[in-house]
Amino acid sequence: MSKKNIVITTILIFALIIISGWFYFEWQINYPISQNSTEKNFVIEKGEGVKKIAADLEKSGLIKNAFYFETYVWREKIEKKLQAGEYLLKENMNIPEIVEILIKGEIISNQKKITIIEGWKINDIGGYLQENKIISAKEFETAAKGWRGGKNYQYDFLKNLPAKASLEGFLFPDTYFIYEDANAEDIIDKMLKNFDKYLTKEMRDEIKKQNKSIFEIITMAGLLEKEVRTGKDRKIAAGIFYKRIEEEIPLESCATIAYILKKDKRQYSFEDTRIESPYNTYLNKGLPPAPICNPGESAIKAAIWPEKSEYNFFLSKEDGETVFSKTLEEHNSAKAKWVK
């Protein structure tokens, strides 16, 4: 090999090492230590430097390695911006997300804790926020339902929503800490950011592989959230619903009748199921036009990864247990026994 070729090869090897090192570093700072949303208190005392903060974060199980936190902070030249205080951090936060909170000084004492329950609708969230004297229900509902005329949220999963769709389905149920002076858009943005983080690349790839949209998945998840209690049963129920869609059989989801009537009943009458509405899955085939609630993790996973089975029907007992049936005769017998 000539001297020239040796030099070129050496340069290429060094370049490859540098590029590989850069990609590895970016992966280390952008990938969280866990996918769990477990919350942990983290305290920065006055006068603590980057090295001590990084070591404490690693010791608390919030980052993999103190070195990458330190290097990121020094690279961004923000070492003097980290603020002392008590924080609530989650295991599924990556280093830039943790740093953003520490820079903004989002300490617990300056914030209110709110808990959004799986299956709540926009109106439920608005009522909860008003009841807890955070913002009015009207302010929240107006912002969530008329978001296209308000803040332009920059999230990919919102780009292909139907023209008249609200943010129903995408306000991820979780516990949040918000500033006391937060407005509706601040709260909504926090929820959307959490949804964006929760919906992993694996989930998005699987949805794409199935030729479905995120909107369709969340619409299905909304039904599962309201219809079935456990993750295992939700997967079977999802398989039944998808089978019905393929065979062009109405889903006949009682959850959609409850949504239309704005009332939960143990058993809906025949007249209830005849109500004219695009959300009536007794009269219309396929999914309802939009999510009927904001589903949680279990329902979303079930909508993405349904379980095929021999069952064609299901119902929920009063204690929440799901009864599956293969035939209409079995299903009617189960209804006579358990739904009264």
Protein backbone atom coordinates (compact mmCIF):
# COMPACT_ATOMS: atom_id res chain seq x y z
CA MET A 1 0.00 0.00 0.00
CA SER A 2 1.38 3.40 -0.98
CA LYS A 3 2.11 6.14 1.54
CA LYS A 4 -0.77 8.20 0.13
CA ASN A 5 -3.25 5.35 0.55
CA ILE A 6 -2.06 4.74 4.11
CA VAL A 7 -2.66 8.42 4.97
CA ILE A 8 -6.15 8.38 3.39
CA THR A 9 -7.06 5.13 5.16
CA THR A 10 -5.83 6.51 8.49
CA ILE A 11 -7.86 9.69 8.04
CA LEU A 12 -10.97 7.68 7.15
CA ILE A 13 -10.53 5.46 10.20
CA PHE A 14 -10.15 8.49 12.49
CA ALA A 15 -13.17 10.13 10.85
CA LEU A 16 -15.22 6.97 11.36
CA ILE A 17 -14.15 6.80 15.02
CA ILE A 18 -15.12 10.46 15.57
CA ILE A 19 -18.49 10.08 13.83
CA SER A 20 -19.25 6.85 15.72
CA GLY A 21 -18.28 8.52 18.97
CA TRP A 22 -20.57 11.47 18.22
CA PHE A 23 -23.54 9.21 17.46
CA TYR A 24 -22.86 7.17 20.60
CA PHE A 25 -22.72 10.32 22.74
CA GLU A 26 -25.99 11.64 21.26
CA TRP A 27 -27.63 8.28 21.92
CA GLN A 28 -26.42 8.31 25.54
CA ILE A 29 -27.85 11.75 26.28
CA ASN A 30 -31.12 11.34 24.38
CA TYR A 31 -32.11 7.84 25.54
CA PRO A 32 -33.58 7.70 29.09
CA ILE A 33 -32.45 5.20 31.68
CA SER A 34 -35.91 3.57 31.66
CA GLN A 35 -39.26 3.67 29.87
CA ASN A 36 -41.03 3.75 33.25
CA SER A 37 -42.64 7.01 34.32
CA THR A 38 -41.64 6.42 37.96
CA GLU A 39 -41.27 9.74 39.76
CA LYS A 40 -38.37 10.53 42.08
CA ASN A 41 -37.62 13.53 44.24
CA PHE A 42 -34.27 15.13 43.48
CA VAL A 43 -32.66 17.92 45.48
CA ILE A 44 -29.94 20.37 44.44
CA GLU A 45 -28.47 22.24 47.39
CA LYS A 46 -27.21 25.80 47.03
CA GLY A 47 -23.62 25.94 45.83
CA GLU A 48 -23.55 22.43 44.33
CA GLY A 49 -21.59 22.18 41.09
CA VAL A 50 -22.21 20.18 37.93
CA LYS A 51 -20.00 17.29 39.06
CA LYS A 52 -21.96 16.80 42.32
CA ILE A 53 -25.34 17.17 40.56
CA ALA A 54 -24.35 14.63 37.90
CA ALA A 55 -23.12 12.14 40.51
CA ASP A 56 -26.36 12.50 42.51
CA LEU A 57 -28.47 11.99 39.40
CA GLU A 58 -26.61 8.77 38.62
CA LYS A 59 -26.88 7.60 42.24
CA SER A 60 -30.65 8.31 42.19
CA GLY A 61 -31.10 6.14 39.09
CA LEU A 62 -32.18 9.05 36.88
CA ILE A 63 -29.27 8.90 34.42
CA LYS A 64 -26.98 6.08 33.30
CA ASN A 65 -23.65 7.81 33.68
CA ALA A 66 -22.62 11.12 35.27
CA PHE A 67 -20.00 11.68 32.55
CA TYR A 68 -22.61 12.22 29.81
CA PHE A 69 -24.60 14.66 31.96
CA GLU A 70 -21.46 16.68 32.78
CA THR A 71 -20.27 16.68 29.17
CA TYR A 72 -23.69 17.78 27.87
CA VAL A 73 -23.89 20.65 30.38
CA TRP A 74 -20.35 21.84 29.58
CA ARG A 75 -20.95 21.51 25.83
CA GLU A 76 -24.09 23.64 26.04
CA LYS A 77 -22.34 26.13 28.36
CA ILE A 78 -25.19 26.09 30.86
CA GLU A 79 -23.32 25.01 33.99
CA LYS A 80 -24.20 28.28 35.77
CA LYS A 81 -27.89 28.05 34.89
CA LEU A 82 -28.75 24.95 36.97
CA GLN A 83 -30.90 26.08 39.90
CA ALA A 84 -31.04 24.82 43.46
CA GLY A 85 -34.29 23.37 44.79
CA GLU A 86 -36.38 20.22 45.14
CA TYR A 87 -37.52 18.68 41.85
CA LEU A 88 -39.74 15.81 40.79
CA LEU A 89 -38.03 13.93 37.94
CA LYS A 90 -39.07 10.79 36.07
CA GLU A 91 -36.99 7.81 35.01
CA ASN A 92 -38.15 8.14 31.40
CA MET A 93 -36.67 11.62 31.06
CA ASN A 94 -33.51 11.94 29.00
CA ILE A 95 -30.63 14.26 29.90
CA PRO A 96 -31.79 17.30 27.85
CA GLU A 97 -35.26 17.03 29.44
CA ILE A 98 -33.81 16.85 32.96
CA VAL A 99 -31.50 19.78 32.24
CA GLU A 100 -34.41 21.86 30.91
CA ILE A 101 -36.30 21.40 34.18
CA LEU A 102 -33.21 22.22 36.27
CA ILE A 103 -32.55 25.36 34.21
CA LYS A 104 -36.14 26.59 34.43
CA GLY A 105 -36.11 25.98 38.17
CA GLU A 106 -39.34 23.97 38.05
CA ILE A 107 -39.16 23.19 41.74
CA ILE A 108 -42.00 21.44 43.56
CA SER A 109 -42.73 24.33 45.94
CA ASN A 110 -43.61 26.59 42.99
CA GLN A 111 -45.98 24.09 41.43
CA LYS A 112 -49.30 22.37 41.93
CA LYS A 113 -49.73 18.63 41.54
CA ILE A 114 -52.54 17.46 39.29
CA THR A 115 -53.52 13.89 38.40
CA ILE A 116 -55.34 13.17 35.15
CA ILE A 117 -57.20 9.84 35.25
CA GLU A 118 -57.29 7.33 32.38
CA GLY A 119 -60.55 7.60 30.46
CA TRP A 120 -61.30 11.21 31.34
CA LYS A 121 -62.70 13.38 28.56
CA ILE A 122 -61.71 16.99 27.89
CA ASN A 123 -64.74 18.13 29.89
CA ASP A 124 -63.74 15.94 32.83
CA ILE A 125 -60.25 17.43 32.88
CA GLY A 126 -61.65 20.95 32.64
CA GLY A 127 -64.01 20.31 35.54
CA TYR A 128 -61.18 18.86 37.63
CA LEU A 129 -58.92 21.86 36.96
CA GLN A 130 -61.70 24.26 37.90
CA GLU A 131 -62.57 22.31 41.04
CA ASN A 132 -58.92 22.53 42.11
CA LYS A 133 -58.91 26.29 41.41
CA ILE A 134 -56.25 26.11 38.71
CA ILE A 135 -58.11 27.47 35.67
CA SER A 136 -61.74 27.57 34.60
CA ALA A 137 -63.27 24.58 32.85
CA LYS A 138 -64.34 26.84 29.99
CA GLU A 139 -60.78 28.10 29.43
CA PHE A 140 -59.39 24.59 29.26
CA GLU A 141 -62.17 23.17 27.08
CA THR A 142 -61.96 26.11 24.65
CA ALA A 143 -58.21 25.67 24.28
CA ALA A 144 -58.40 21.85 23.85
CA LYS A 145 -61.33 21.87 21.43
CA GLY A 146 -60.34 24.95 19.45
CA TRP A 147 -56.58 24.38 19.46
CA ARG A 148 -56.17 25.05 15.73
CA GLY A 149 -57.11 28.65 16.30
CA GLY A 150 -54.87 28.97 19.35
CA LYS A 151 -51.34 27.81 20.04
CA ASN A 152 -49.69 25.95 17.18
CA TYR A 153 -48.49 22.81 18.96
CA GLN A 154 -45.47 21.39 17.11
CA TYR A 155 -46.03 17.64 17.39
CA ASP A 156 -45.92 15.19 14.48
CA PHE A 157 -48.83 13.13 15.77
CA LEU A 158 -51.14 16.15 15.41
CA LYS A 159 -50.27 16.91 11.78
CA ASN A 160 -52.72 14.50 10.15
CA LEU A 161 -55.67 14.88 12.49
CA PRO A 162 -59.04 15.40 10.77
CA ALA A 163 -59.90 19.07 10.27
CA LYS A 164 -62.50 19.24 13.04
CA ALA A 165 -60.71 17.01 15.56
CA SER A 166 -60.13 18.31 19.08
CA LEU A 167 -57.22 17.16 21.26
CA GLU A 168 -59.41 14.46 22.79
CA GLY A 169 -57.36 11.28 23.10
CA PHE A 170 -53.96 12.98 23.19
CA LEU A 171 -54.07 14.58 26.66
CA PHE A 172 -52.06 11.80 28.26
CA PRO A 173 -53.30 10.67 31.70
CA ASP A 174 -50.55 11.08 34.27
CA THR A 175 -49.47 13.09 37.31
CA TYR A 176 -48.17 16.56 36.45
CA PHE A 177 -46.63 19.46 38.32
CA ILE A 178 -47.67 22.82 36.90
CA TYR A 179 -46.96 26.40 37.89
CA GLU A 180 -49.72 28.14 39.79
CA ASP A 181 -50.00 30.79 37.08
CA ALA A 182 -50.08 28.23 34.22
CA ASN A 183 -52.73 28.83 31.57
CA ALA A 184 -54.67 26.24 29.57
CA GLU A 185 -52.11 26.14 26.77
CA ASP A 186 -49.25 25.54 29.23
CA ILE A 187 -51.09 22.59 30.76
CA ILE A 188 -52.10 21.15 27.39
CA ASP A 189 -48.55 21.46 26.06
CA LYS A 190 -47.24 19.51 29.06
CA MET A 191 -49.74 16.72 28.37
CA LEU A 192 -48.97 16.62 24.65
CA LYS A 193 -45.23 16.56 25.34
CA ASN A 194 -45.79 13.61 27.66
CA PHE A 195 -47.84 11.79 25.00
CA ASP A 196 -45.09 12.43 22.44
CA LYS A 197 -42.50 10.98 24.79
CA TYR A 198 -44.67 8.01 25.75
CA LEU A 199 -45.38 6.97 22.14
CA THR A 200 -42.01 5.34 21.50
CA LYS A 201 -40.35 4.73 18.13
CA GLU A 202 -41.22 1.04 18.48
CA MET A 203 -44.90 1.93 18.86
CA ARG A 204 -44.86 4.36 15.94
CA ASP A 205 -43.06 1.85 13.71
CA GLU A 206 -45.59 -0.85 14.58
CA ILE A 207 -48.52 1.47 13.82
CA LYS A 208 -46.97 2.35 10.47
CA LYS A 209 -46.28 -1.32 9.74
CA GLN A 210 -49.99 -2.05 10.22
CA ASN A 211 -50.92 0.76 7.81
CA LYS A 212 -52.83 2.50 10.57
CA SER A 213 -52.63 6.10 11.77
CA ILE A 214 -51.91 7.22 15.32
CA PHE A 215 -55.36 8.84 15.30
CA GLU A 216 -57.00 5.47 14.51
CA ILE A 217 -55.03 3.75 17.26
CA ILE A 218 -56.00 6.35 19.85
CA THR A 219 -59.63 6.18 18.73
CA MET A 220 -59.58 2.41 19.25
CA ALA A 221 -57.75 2.83 22.57
CA GLY A 222 -60.49 5.18 23.76
CA LEU A 223 -63.08 2.43 23.27
CA LEU A 224 -60.91 -0.15 25.05
CA GLU A 225 -60.29 2.22 27.96
CA LYS A 226 -64.02 2.57 28.56
CA GLU A 227 -65.07 -0.99 27.73
CA VAL A 228 -62.55 -3.25 29.46
CA ARG A 229 -60.61 -3.02 32.70
CA THR A 230 -57.37 -5.06 32.38
CA GLY A 231 -54.57 -4.93 29.82
CA LYS A 232 -54.85 -8.63 29.00
CA ASP A 233 -58.60 -8.43 28.37
CA ARG A 234 -58.18 -5.22 26.40
CA LYS A 235 -55.89 -7.01 23.94
CA ILE A 236 -58.52 -9.70 23.34
CA ALA A 237 -61.26 -7.08 23.03
CA ALA A 238 -59.10 -5.16 20.55
CA GLY A 239 -58.75 -8.34 18.48
CA ILE A 240 -62.55 -8.71 18.43
CA PHE A 241 -63.08 -5.08 17.41
CA TYR A 242 -60.49 -5.26 14.62
CA LYS A 243 -62.06 -8.52 13.40
CA ARG A 244 -65.45 -6.79 13.24
CA ILE A 245 -63.96 -3.88 11.28
CA GLU A 246 -62.41 -6.29 8.75
CA GLU A 247 -65.70 -8.16 8.38
CA GLU A 248 -67.67 -4.89 8.17
CA ILE A 249 -69.73 -5.73 11.25
CA PRO A 250 -70.72 -2.82 13.57
CA LEU A 251 -68.61 -2.69 16.73
CA GLU A 252 -71.69 -2.24 18.94
CA SER A 253 -69.68 -0.56 21.66
CA CYS A 254 -71.80 0.57 24.62
CA ALA A 255 -69.06 3.07 25.44
CA THR A 256 -70.05 5.09 22.37
CA ILE A 257 -73.70 5.15 23.48
CA ALA A 258 -72.58 6.40 26.90
CA TYR A 259 -70.54 9.07 25.11
CA ILE A 260 -73.57 10.22 23.11
CA LEU A 261 -75.98 10.19 26.07
CA LYS A 262 -73.34 11.59 28.48
CA LYS A 263 -74.60 8.98 30.91
CA ASP A 264 -73.33 5.59 32.08
CA LYS A 265 -75.91 2.80 32.36
CA ARG A 266 -75.54 -0.82 33.35
CA GLN A 267 -77.65 -1.75 30.32
CA TYR A 268 -78.71 0.41 27.39
CA SER A 269 -82.16 0.05 25.84
CA PHE A 270 -82.82 -0.77 22.21
CA GLU A 271 -83.99 2.84 21.78
CA ASP A 272 -80.66 4.08 23.14
CA THR A 273 -78.81 2.12 20.46
CA ARG A 274 -80.92 3.71 17.72
CA ILE A 275 -79.85 7.29 18.46
CA GLU A 276 -78.70 9.04 15.30
CA SER A 277 -75.08 10.01 15.74
CA PRO A 278 -71.80 9.41 13.88
CA TYR A 279 -70.51 8.04 17.21
CA ASN A 280 -73.20 5.35 17.38
CA THR A 281 -71.29 2.13 16.64
CA TYR A 282 -74.53 0.14 16.64
CA LEU A 283 -75.74 2.01 13.55
CA ASN A 284 -72.39 2.81 11.91
CA LYS A 285 -69.62 0.42 10.89
CA GLY A 286 -65.99 0.97 11.82
CA LEU A 287 -64.48 3.24 14.43
CA PRO A 288 -66.24 6.37 15.71
CA PRO A 289 -65.06 9.59 14.02
CA ALA A 290 -62.72 10.54 16.92
CA PRO A 291 -61.56 9.31 20.35
CA ILE A 292 -64.26 9.28 23.03
CA CYS A 293 -61.79 9.84 25.89
CA ASN A 294 -58.10 10.13 26.75
CA PRO A 295 -56.80 6.55 27.06
CA GLY A 296 -53.90 5.41 29.21
CA GLU A 297 -50.89 3.22 28.53
CA SER A 298 -52.63 -0.16 28.82
CA ALA A 299 -55.39 0.70 26.35
CA ILE A 300 -52.97 2.23 23.82
CA LYS A 301 -50.72 -0.84 23.90
CA ALA A 302 -53.75 -3.09 23.44
CA ALA A 303 -54.84 -1.06 20.41
CA ILE A 304 -51.36 -1.44 18.88
CA TRP A 305 -50.82 -5.09 19.81
CA PRO A 306 -54.24 -6.82 19.79
CA GLU A 307 -54.60 -10.51 20.53
CA LYS A 308 -56.31 -12.78 18.02
CA SER A 309 -58.77 -15.26 19.49
CA GLU A 310 -61.79 -17.40 18.68
CA TYR A 311 -64.03 -14.96 20.55
CA ASN A 312 -66.51 -12.70 18.77
CA PHE A 313 -68.33 -11.06 21.69
CA PHE A 314 -67.57 -9.73 25.17
CA LEU A 315 -69.24 -7.97 28.07
CA SER A 316 -68.17 -6.66 31.45
CA LYS A 317 -69.57 -7.95 34.71
CA GLU A 318 -70.41 -5.47 37.44
CA ASP A 319 -67.12 -6.20 39.20
CA GLY A 320 -65.20 -5.37 36.01
CA GLU A 321 -64.40 -8.92 34.95
CA THR A 322 -64.71 -9.48 31.19
CA VAL A 323 -66.76 -12.39 29.86
CA PHE A 324 -65.85 -13.48 26.33
CA SER A 325 -68.09 -15.56 24.06
CA LYS A 326 -67.56 -17.34 20.75
CA THR A 327 -71.18 -17.37 19.59
CA LEU A 328 -74.14 -15.01 19.83
CA GLU A 329 -76.01 -17.67 21.79
CA GLU A 330 -73.22 -17.80 24.41
CA HIS A 331 -73.13 -14.00 24.51
CA ASN A 332 -76.90 -13.72 25.07
CA SER A 333 -76.68 -16.29 27.87
CA ALA A 334 -73.88 -14.27 29.49
CA LYS A 335 -75.96 -11.08 29.19
CA ALA A 336 -78.95 -12.76 30.81
CA LYS A 337 -76.71 -13.93 33.66
CA TRP A 338 -74.49 -10.92 34.27
CA VAL A 339 -76.15 -7.78 32.85
CA LYS A 340 -79.26 -6.82 34.80
